[in-house]
Amino acid sequence: MIKAKIAVNGYGTIEKRVADAVRAQDDMEIIGISKTKPNYEAAVANQLGYDIYAPVENIEVFEKAGMSAAGTIKKMIGKTDLVVDYTPGGVGEKNKPLL
């Protein structure tokens, strides 16, 4: 069976639930989630085994916090069939041209 490759832009209150729901599906897989900074939510995503993607300017910040970023958000989007974006206005907006 071919699985749809899903990216979740963000990992907040709604995005956490979306990522977990996608992970529970037989015909979908999470390629990764995006975070802008290595906070508690990013640590939870890391513990759950989600690949974390970050803005290019924040990759080093994740590394310094001990969380390896799998790459840039642009790289994540390039690996997916579908992007779920529930980020608040002004946050995901800078990624819209990539979609």
C-alpha atoms as a PDB file:
ATOM      1  CA  MET A   1       0.000   0.000   0.000  1.00  0.00           C
ATOM      2  CA  ILE A   2       1.253   3.466  -0.877  1.00  0.00           C
ATOM      3  CA  LYS A   3       1.004   5.883   2.014  1.00  0.00           C
ATOM      4  CA  ALA A   4       0.254   9.585   1.648  1.00  0.00           C
ATOM      5  CA  LYS A   5       3.147  11.657   2.990  1.00  0.00           C
ATOM      6  CA  ILE A   6       1.877  14.364   5.319  1.00  0.00           C
ATOM      7  CA  ALA A   7       3.702  17.357   6.815  1.00  0.00           C
ATOM      8  CA  VAL A   8       2.290  19.346   9.707  1.00  0.00           C
ATOM      9  CA  ASN A   9       3.344  22.992   9.705  1.00  0.00           C
ATOM     10  CA  GLY A  10       3.527  23.803  13.400  1.00  0.00           C
ATOM     11  CA  TYR A  11       3.028  21.671  16.477  1.00  0.00           C
ATOM     12  CA  GLY A  12       0.710  23.518  18.824  1.00  0.00           C
ATOM     13  CA  THR A  13      -2.646  22.662  20.349  1.00  0.00           C
ATOM     14  CA  ILE A  14      -4.358  21.717  17.088  1.00  0.00           C
ATOM     15  CA  GLU A  15      -1.341  20.482  15.146  1.00  0.00           C
ATOM     16  CA  LYS A  16      -0.425  17.939  17.860  1.00  0.00           C
ATOM     17  CA  ARG A  17      -3.834  16.329  17.485  1.00  0.00           C
ATOM     18  CA  VAL A  18      -3.620  16.365  13.685  1.00  0.00           C
ATOM     19  CA  ALA A  19      -0.187  14.717  13.742  1.00  0.00           C
ATOM     20  CA  ASP A  20      -1.369  12.002  16.130  1.00  0.00           C
ATOM     21  CA  ALA A  21      -4.504  11.392  14.031  1.00  0.00           C
ATOM     22  CA  VAL A  22      -2.436  11.065  10.853  1.00  0.00           C
ATOM     23  CA  ARG A  23      -0.009   8.712  12.590  1.00  0.00           C
ATOM     24  CA  ALA A  24      -2.958   6.457  13.517  1.00  0.00           C
ATOM     25  CA  GLN A  25      -3.997   6.033   9.858  1.00  0.00           C
ATOM     26  CA  ASP A  26      -2.864   3.026   7.839  1.00  0.00           C
ATOM     27  CA  ASP A  27      -2.699   4.952   4.582  1.00  0.00           C
ATOM     28  CA  MET A  28      -0.777   8.031   5.800  1.00  0.00           C
ATOM     29  CA  GLU A  29       2.589   8.808   7.322  1.00  0.00           C
ATOM     30  CA  ILE A  30       3.976  11.895   8.997  1.00  0.00           C
ATOM     31  CA  ILE A  31       7.036  13.183   7.181  1.00  0.00           C
ATOM     32  CA  GLY A  32       7.633  15.744   9.915  1.00  0.00           C
ATOM     33  CA  ILE A  33       6.416  18.718  11.861  1.00  0.00           C
ATOM     34  CA  SER A  34       7.763  22.250  11.920  1.00  0.00           C
ATOM     35  CA  LYS A  35       8.644  24.412  14.874  1.00  0.00           C
ATOM     36  CA  THR A  36      10.215  27.848  15.008  1.00  0.00           C
ATOM     37  CA  LYS A  37      11.999  27.282  18.330  1.00  0.00           C
ATOM     38  CA  PRO A  38      13.111  24.351  20.499  1.00  0.00           C
ATOM     39  CA  ASN A  39      10.459  24.671  23.212  1.00  0.00           C
ATOM     40  CA  TYR A  40       8.524  22.113  25.266  1.00  0.00           C
ATOM     41  CA  GLU A  41       6.263  21.181  22.361  1.00  0.00           C
ATOM     42  CA  ALA A  42       9.283  20.548  20.148  1.00  0.00           C
ATOM     43  CA  ALA A  43      10.745  18.316  22.877  1.00  0.00           C
ATOM     44  CA  VAL A  44       7.503  16.298  23.003  1.00  0.00           C
ATOM     45  CA  ALA A  45       7.510  15.931  19.211  1.00  0.00           C
ATOM     46  CA  ASN A  46      11.124  14.807  19.394  1.00  0.00           C
ATOM     47  CA  GLN A  47      10.298  12.207  22.070  1.00  0.00           C
ATOM     48  CA  LEU A  48       7.409  10.899  19.946  1.00  0.00           C
ATOM     49  CA  GLY A  49       9.837  10.380  17.073  1.00  0.00           C
ATOM     50  CA  TYR A  50       8.574  13.084  14.733  1.00  0.00           C
ATOM     51  CA  ASP A  51      11.206  14.641  12.508  1.00  0.00           C
ATOM     52  CA  ILE A  52      11.382  18.342  13.307  1.00  0.00           C
ATOM     53  CA  TYR A  53      11.937  20.913  10.577  1.00  0.00           C
ATOM     54  CA  ALA A  54      12.729  24.542  11.273  1.00  0.00           C
ATOM     55  CA  PRO A  55      13.223  27.832   9.481  1.00  0.00           C
ATOM     56  CA  VAL A  56      16.719  27.929   8.004  1.00  0.00           C
ATOM     57  CA  GLU A  57      17.757  30.683  10.412  1.00  0.00           C
ATOM     58  CA  ASN A  58      16.795  28.531  13.439  1.00  0.00           C
ATOM     59  CA  ILE A  59      18.470  25.207  12.583  1.00  0.00           C
ATOM     60  CA  GLU A  60      21.497  26.036  14.719  1.00  0.00           C
ATOM     61  CA  VAL A  61      19.262  27.035  17.661  1.00  0.00           C
ATOM     62  CA  PHE A  62      17.757  23.526  17.662  1.00  0.00           C
ATOM     63  CA  GLU A  63      21.208  21.943  17.519  1.00  0.00           C
ATOM     64  CA  LYS A  64      22.375  24.016  20.511  1.00  0.00           C
ATOM     65  CA  ALA A  65      19.277  22.888  22.443  1.00  0.00           C
ATOM     66  CA  GLY A  66      20.148  19.240  21.791  1.00  0.00           C
ATOM     67  CA  MET A  67      17.343  18.645  19.291  1.00  0.00           C
ATOM     68  CA  SER A  68      18.483  17.729  15.841  1.00  0.00           C
ATOM     69  CA  ALA A  69      16.481  19.440  13.154  1.00  0.00           C
ATOM     70  CA  ALA A  70      15.870  17.162  10.189  1.00  0.00           C
ATOM     71  CA  GLY A  71      16.221  20.159   7.912  1.00  0.00           C
ATOM     72  CA  THR A  72      14.440  23.260   6.775  1.00  0.00           C
ATOM     73  CA  ILE A  73      10.692  23.699   6.374  1.00  0.00           C
ATOM     74  CA  LYS A  74      11.259  23.997   2.634  1.00  0.00           C
ATOM     75  CA  LYS A  75      12.925  20.577   2.664  1.00  0.00           C
ATOM     76  CA  MET A  76       9.973  19.112   4.618  1.00  0.00           C
ATOM     77  CA  ILE A  77       7.459  20.519   2.148  1.00  0.00           C
ATOM     78  CA  GLY A  78       9.445  19.075  -0.744  1.00  0.00           C
ATOM     79  CA  LYS A  79       9.047  15.557   0.673  1.00  0.00           C
ATOM     80  CA  THR A  80       5.268  15.625   1.132  1.00  0.00           C
ATOM     81  CA  ASP A  81       2.027  15.014  -0.686  1.00  0.00           C
ATOM     82  CA  LEU A  82       0.022  17.271   1.645  1.00  0.00           C
ATOM     83  CA  VAL A  83       0.800  20.024   4.160  1.00  0.00           C
ATOM     84  CA  VAL A  84      -1.532  20.668   7.076  1.00  0.00           C
ATOM     85  CA  ASP A  85      -1.133  24.270   8.240  1.00  0.00           C
ATOM     86  CA  TYR A  86      -3.046  25.579  11.249  1.00  0.00           C
ATOM     87  CA  THR A  87      -0.411  28.110  12.231  1.00  0.00           C
ATOM     88  CA  PRO A  88      -1.724  31.481  13.425  1.00  0.00           C
ATOM     89  CA  GLY A  89      -1.790  34.428  11.043  1.00  0.00           C
ATOM     90  CA  GLY A  90       1.663  35.820  10.453  1.00  0.00           C
ATOM     91  CA  VAL A  91       3.467  32.619  11.438  1.00  0.00           C
ATOM     92  CA  GLY A  92       2.846  30.225   8.549  1.00  0.00           C
ATOM     93  CA  GLU A  93       2.354  33.101   6.130  1.00  0.00           C
ATOM     94  CA  LYS A  94       6.026  33.283   5.205  1.00  0.00           C
ATOM     95  CA  ASN A  95       5.861  29.635   4.091  1.00  0.00           C
ATOM     96  CA  LYS A  96       2.806  30.071   1.844  1.00  0.00           C
ATOM     97  CA  PRO A  97       4.953  30.838  -1.250  1.00  0.00           C
ATOM     98  CA  LEU A  98       6.563  27.409  -0.791  1.00  0.00           C
ATOM     99  CA  LEU A  99       3.213  25.683  -1.011  1.00  0.00           C
END
